[in-house]
Amino acid sequence: MTIDYQWRGPLADPELDALHAEGFGHPGGEPAGEWLARLERHSLGWVTARRTADGALAGFVNLAWDGGAHAFLLDTVVAPDARRQGVATRLVAEAADGARTAGCAWLHVDFEPHLRPFYLDACGLRPTAAGLLAL
């Protein structure tokens, strides 16, 4: 499978909602216009992964930021049939390049324990102490 990666690649709300719902195991249904409006308002950028053959969205990662030195990975997701082929690792690498180009000095990500090998080993992030408050 050949994949095309694009910084701030074009997206349609329904396709991103469907990928997000499939990838994170919840029902879709974001109101029309919500994904793109939030990305444009709050994100430094995002990376899309599309199958070259049909243009279908195969992966996505959002890169939020503080407007300065810190960027934050959110919503790294790959379609089930495109997993285990390096798509997520490439999404993170492209997002890191986008953050670096924007002048960010730090890339942060929070993740569940089962994703530790992916983010620390495959993507090269290093562990840090952090805090979290459920609101």
C-alpha atoms as a PDB file:
ATOM      1  CA  MET A   1       0.000   0.000   0.000  1.00  0.00           C
ATOM      2  CA  THR A   2       1.421   3.368  -1.019  1.00  0.00           C
ATOM      3  CA  ILE A   3       0.645   6.287   1.283  1.00  0.00           C
ATOM      4  CA  ASP A   4       0.928  10.034   0.655  1.00  0.00           C
ATOM      5  CA  TYR A   5       1.621  12.184   3.744  1.00  0.00           C
ATOM      6  CA  GLN A   6       0.714  15.851   3.760  1.00  0.00           C
ATOM      7  CA  TRP A   7       1.189  18.637   6.305  1.00  0.00           C
ATOM      8  CA  ARG A   8      -2.163  20.403   6.768  1.00  0.00           C
ATOM      9  CA  GLY A   9      -3.621  18.104   4.145  1.00  0.00           C
ATOM     10  CA  PRO A  10      -7.201  18.736   3.055  1.00  0.00           C
ATOM     11  CA  LEU A  11      -9.854  16.976   5.110  1.00  0.00           C
ATOM     12  CA  ALA A  12     -13.596  16.589   5.164  1.00  0.00           C
ATOM     13  CA  ASP A  13     -15.316  16.456   8.540  1.00  0.00           C
ATOM     14  CA  PRO A  14     -17.189  13.189   7.827  1.00  0.00           C
ATOM     15  CA  GLU A  15     -14.047  11.278   6.808  1.00  0.00           C
ATOM     16  CA  LEU A  16     -12.067  12.431   9.846  1.00  0.00           C
ATOM     17  CA  ASP A  17     -15.002  11.716  12.137  1.00  0.00           C
ATOM     18  CA  ALA A  18     -15.305   8.190  10.703  1.00  0.00           C
ATOM     19  CA  LEU A  19     -11.554   7.488  11.033  1.00  0.00           C
ATOM     20  CA  HIS A  20     -11.496   8.848  14.590  1.00  0.00           C
ATOM     21  CA  ALA A  21     -14.561   6.801  15.588  1.00  0.00           C
ATOM     22  CA  GLU A  22     -13.136   3.630  14.025  1.00  0.00           C
ATOM     23  CA  GLY A  23      -9.679   4.149  15.480  1.00  0.00           C
ATOM     24  CA  PHE A  24     -10.767   5.027  19.001  1.00  0.00           C
ATOM     25  CA  GLY A  25     -13.788   2.711  19.148  1.00  0.00           C
ATOM     26  CA  HIS A  26     -16.583   5.173  19.750  1.00  0.00           C
ATOM     27  CA  PRO A  27     -19.610   6.185  17.734  1.00  0.00           C
ATOM     28  CA  GLY A  28     -19.012   8.981  15.276  1.00  0.00           C
ATOM     29  CA  GLY A  29     -21.241  11.939  15.000  1.00  0.00           C
ATOM     30  CA  GLU A  30     -19.235  15.125  15.461  1.00  0.00           C
ATOM     31  CA  PRO A  31     -21.523  17.929  14.308  1.00  0.00           C
ATOM     32  CA  ALA A  32     -20.848  19.020  10.741  1.00  0.00           C
ATOM     33  CA  GLY A  33     -17.962  21.449  10.548  1.00  0.00           C
ATOM     34  CA  GLU A  34     -16.610  20.727  14.028  1.00  0.00           C
ATOM     35  CA  TRP A  35     -13.352  18.943  13.153  1.00  0.00           C
ATOM     36  CA  LEU A  36     -12.020  21.415  10.640  1.00  0.00           C
ATOM     37  CA  ALA A  37     -13.155  24.435  12.640  1.00  0.00           C
ATOM     38  CA  ARG A  38     -11.329  23.143  15.738  1.00  0.00           C
ATOM     39  CA  LEU A  39      -8.191  22.294  13.770  1.00  0.00           C
ATOM     40  CA  GLU A  40      -8.042  25.722  12.165  1.00  0.00           C
ATOM     41  CA  ARG A  41      -8.698  27.471  15.486  1.00  0.00           C
ATOM     42  CA  HIS A  42      -6.413  25.503  17.819  1.00  0.00           C
ATOM     43  CA  SER A  43      -3.777  23.589  15.879  1.00  0.00           C
ATOM     44  CA  LEU A  44      -0.329  24.416  14.653  1.00  0.00           C
ATOM     45  CA  GLY A  45      -1.046  21.829  12.001  1.00  0.00           C
ATOM     46  CA  TRP A  46      -1.940  18.236  11.297  1.00  0.00           C
ATOM     47  CA  VAL A  47      -0.716  15.467   9.058  1.00  0.00           C
ATOM     48  CA  THR A  48      -2.894  13.355   6.818  1.00  0.00           C
ATOM     49  CA  ALA A  49      -2.012   9.953   5.410  1.00  0.00           C
ATOM     50  CA  ARG A  50      -3.938   9.020   2.271  1.00  0.00           C
ATOM     51  CA  ARG A  51      -3.862   5.908   0.167  1.00  0.00           C
ATOM     52  CA  THR A  52      -2.366   6.894  -3.164  1.00  0.00           C
ATOM     53  CA  ALA A  53      -4.583   4.481  -5.095  1.00  0.00           C
ATOM     54  CA  ASP A  54      -7.951   5.908  -4.015  1.00  0.00           C
ATOM     55  CA  GLY A  55      -7.221   8.977  -1.862  1.00  0.00           C
ATOM     56  CA  ALA A  56      -8.920   7.463   1.182  1.00  0.00           C
ATOM     57  CA  LEU A  57      -7.869   8.800   4.569  1.00  0.00           C
ATOM     58  CA  ALA A  58      -5.689   6.120   6.177  1.00  0.00           C
ATOM     59  CA  GLY A  59      -4.234   8.115   9.077  1.00  0.00           C
ATOM     60  CA  PHE A  60      -4.162  11.412  10.889  1.00  0.00           C
ATOM     61  CA  VAL A  61      -2.366  13.230  13.693  1.00  0.00           C
ATOM     62  CA  ASN A  62      -3.148  16.643  15.158  1.00  0.00           C
ATOM     63  CA  LEU A  63      -0.428  18.989  16.392  1.00  0.00           C
ATOM     64  CA  ALA A  64      -1.663  21.501  18.950  1.00  0.00           C
ATOM     65  CA  TRP A  65       0.670  24.121  20.417  1.00  0.00           C
ATOM     66  CA  ASP A  66       1.053  26.911  22.917  1.00  0.00           C
ATOM     67  CA  GLY A  67       1.966  29.494  20.286  1.00  0.00           C
ATOM     68  CA  GLY A  68       5.633  29.252  21.234  1.00  0.00           C
ATOM     69  CA  ALA A  69       8.072  26.488  22.065  1.00  0.00           C
ATOM     70  CA  HIS A  70       5.731  23.590  22.897  1.00  0.00           C
ATOM     71  CA  ALA A  71       3.795  21.370  20.488  1.00  0.00           C
ATOM     72  CA  PHE A  72       1.495  18.522  21.521  1.00  0.00           C
ATOM     73  CA  LEU A  73       0.564  15.381  19.599  1.00  0.00           C
ATOM     74  CA  LEU A  74      -3.137  14.549  19.708  1.00  0.00           C
ATOM     75  CA  ASP A  75      -5.388  11.990  18.059  1.00  0.00           C
ATOM     76  CA  THR A  76      -2.768   9.828  16.341  1.00  0.00           C
ATOM     77  CA  VAL A  77      -4.977   7.371  14.478  1.00  0.00           C
ATOM     78  CA  VAL A  78      -4.552   4.885  11.628  1.00  0.00           C
ATOM     79  CA  ALA A  79      -7.265   2.921   9.828  1.00  0.00           C
ATOM     80  CA  PRO A  80      -7.249  -0.749  10.884  1.00  0.00           C
ATOM     81  CA  ASP A  81      -6.276  -2.018   7.434  1.00  0.00           C
ATOM     82  CA  ALA A  82      -3.250   0.331   7.318  1.00  0.00           C
ATOM     83  CA  ARG A  83      -1.834  -0.529  10.744  1.00  0.00           C
ATOM     84  CA  ARG A  84       1.526  -2.229  11.347  1.00  0.00           C
ATOM     85  CA  GLN A  85       2.961  -0.692   8.188  1.00  0.00           C
ATOM     86  CA  GLY A  86       4.756   2.315   9.678  1.00  0.00           C
ATOM     87  CA  VAL A  87       1.967   4.805   8.974  1.00  0.00           C
ATOM     88  CA  ALA A  88       1.643   6.093  12.561  1.00  0.00           C
ATOM     89  CA  THR A  89       5.416   6.373  12.968  1.00  0.00           C
ATOM     90  CA  ARG A  90       5.610   8.432   9.780  1.00  0.00           C
ATOM     91  CA  LEU A  91       2.677  10.610  10.897  1.00  0.00           C
ATOM     92  CA  VAL A  92       4.527  11.438  14.129  1.00  0.00           C
ATOM     93  CA  ALA A  93       7.778  12.123  12.249  1.00  0.00           C
ATOM     94  CA  GLU A  94       6.003  14.483   9.843  1.00  0.00           C
ATOM     95  CA  ALA A  95       4.311  16.258  12.770  1.00  0.00           C
ATOM     96  CA  ALA A  96       7.692  16.634  14.500  1.00  0.00           C
ATOM     97  CA  ASP A  97       9.111  18.168  11.311  1.00  0.00           C
ATOM     98  CA  GLY A  98       6.189  20.594  11.177  1.00  0.00           C
ATOM     99  CA  ALA A  99       6.753  21.616  14.804  1.00  0.00           C
ATOM    100  CA  ARG A 100      10.491  22.022  14.232  1.00  0.00           C
ATOM    101  CA  THR A 101       9.895  24.164  11.148  1.00  0.00           C
ATOM    102  CA  ALA A 102       7.510  26.365  13.174  1.00  0.00           C
ATOM    103  CA  GLY A 103      10.287  26.973  15.718  1.00  0.00           C
ATOM    104  CA  CYS A 104       9.008  24.714  18.486  1.00  0.00           C
ATOM    105  CA  ALA A 105      11.651  23.324  20.845  1.00  0.00           C
ATOM    106  CA  TRP A 106       9.591  20.569  22.490  1.00  0.00           C
ATOM    107  CA  LEU A 107       7.135  17.919  21.312  1.00  0.00           C
ATOM    108  CA  HIS A 108       4.887  16.458  24.004  1.00  0.00           C
ATOM    109  CA  VAL A 109       2.524  13.501  23.971  1.00  0.00           C
ATOM    110  CA  ASP A 110       0.402  11.784  26.598  1.00  0.00           C
ATOM    111  CA  PHE A 111      -0.355   8.128  26.002  1.00  0.00           C
ATOM    112  CA  GLU A 112      -1.758   5.015  27.600  1.00  0.00           C
ATOM    113  CA  PRO A 113       0.757   2.446  28.895  1.00  0.00           C
ATOM    114  CA  HIS A 114       0.232   0.020  25.999  1.00  0.00           C
ATOM    115  CA  LEU A 115       1.439   2.735  23.581  1.00  0.00           C
ATOM    116  CA  ARG A 116       4.757   3.207  25.375  1.00  0.00           C
ATOM    117  CA  PRO A 117       6.757   1.032  22.912  1.00  0.00           C
ATOM    118  CA  PHE A 118       5.305   2.974  19.992  1.00  0.00           C
ATOM    119  CA  TYR A 119       6.021   6.487  21.249  1.00  0.00           C
ATOM    120  CA  LEU A 120       9.281   5.798  23.077  1.00  0.00           C
ATOM    121  CA  ASP A 121      10.873   3.110  20.932  1.00  0.00           C
ATOM    122  CA  ALA A 122       9.433   3.555  17.422  1.00  0.00           C
ATOM    123  CA  CYS A 123       9.071   7.356  17.511  1.00  0.00           C
ATOM    124  CA  GLY A 124      12.067   8.220  19.688  1.00  0.00           C
ATOM    125  CA  LEU A 125      10.331  10.289  22.360  1.00  0.00           C
ATOM    126  CA  ARG A 126      11.766  10.042  25.855  1.00  0.00           C
ATOM    127  CA  PRO A 127       9.868   9.566  29.103  1.00  0.00           C
ATOM    128  CA  THR A 128       9.318  12.519  31.414  1.00  0.00           C
ATOM    129  CA  ALA A 129       7.508  13.123  34.655  1.00  0.00           C
ATOM    130  CA  ALA A 130       4.157  14.772  34.090  1.00  0.00           C
ATOM    131  CA  GLY A 131       0.957  15.499  35.912  1.00  0.00           C
ATOM    132  CA  LEU A 132      -2.670  15.104  35.004  1.00  0.00           C
ATOM    133  CA  LEU A 133      -5.883  16.334  36.578  1.00  0.00           C
ATOM    134  CA  ALA A 134      -9.164  14.839  35.434  1.00  0.00           C
ATOM    135  CA  LEU A 135     -11.704  17.641  35.059  1.00  0.00           C
END
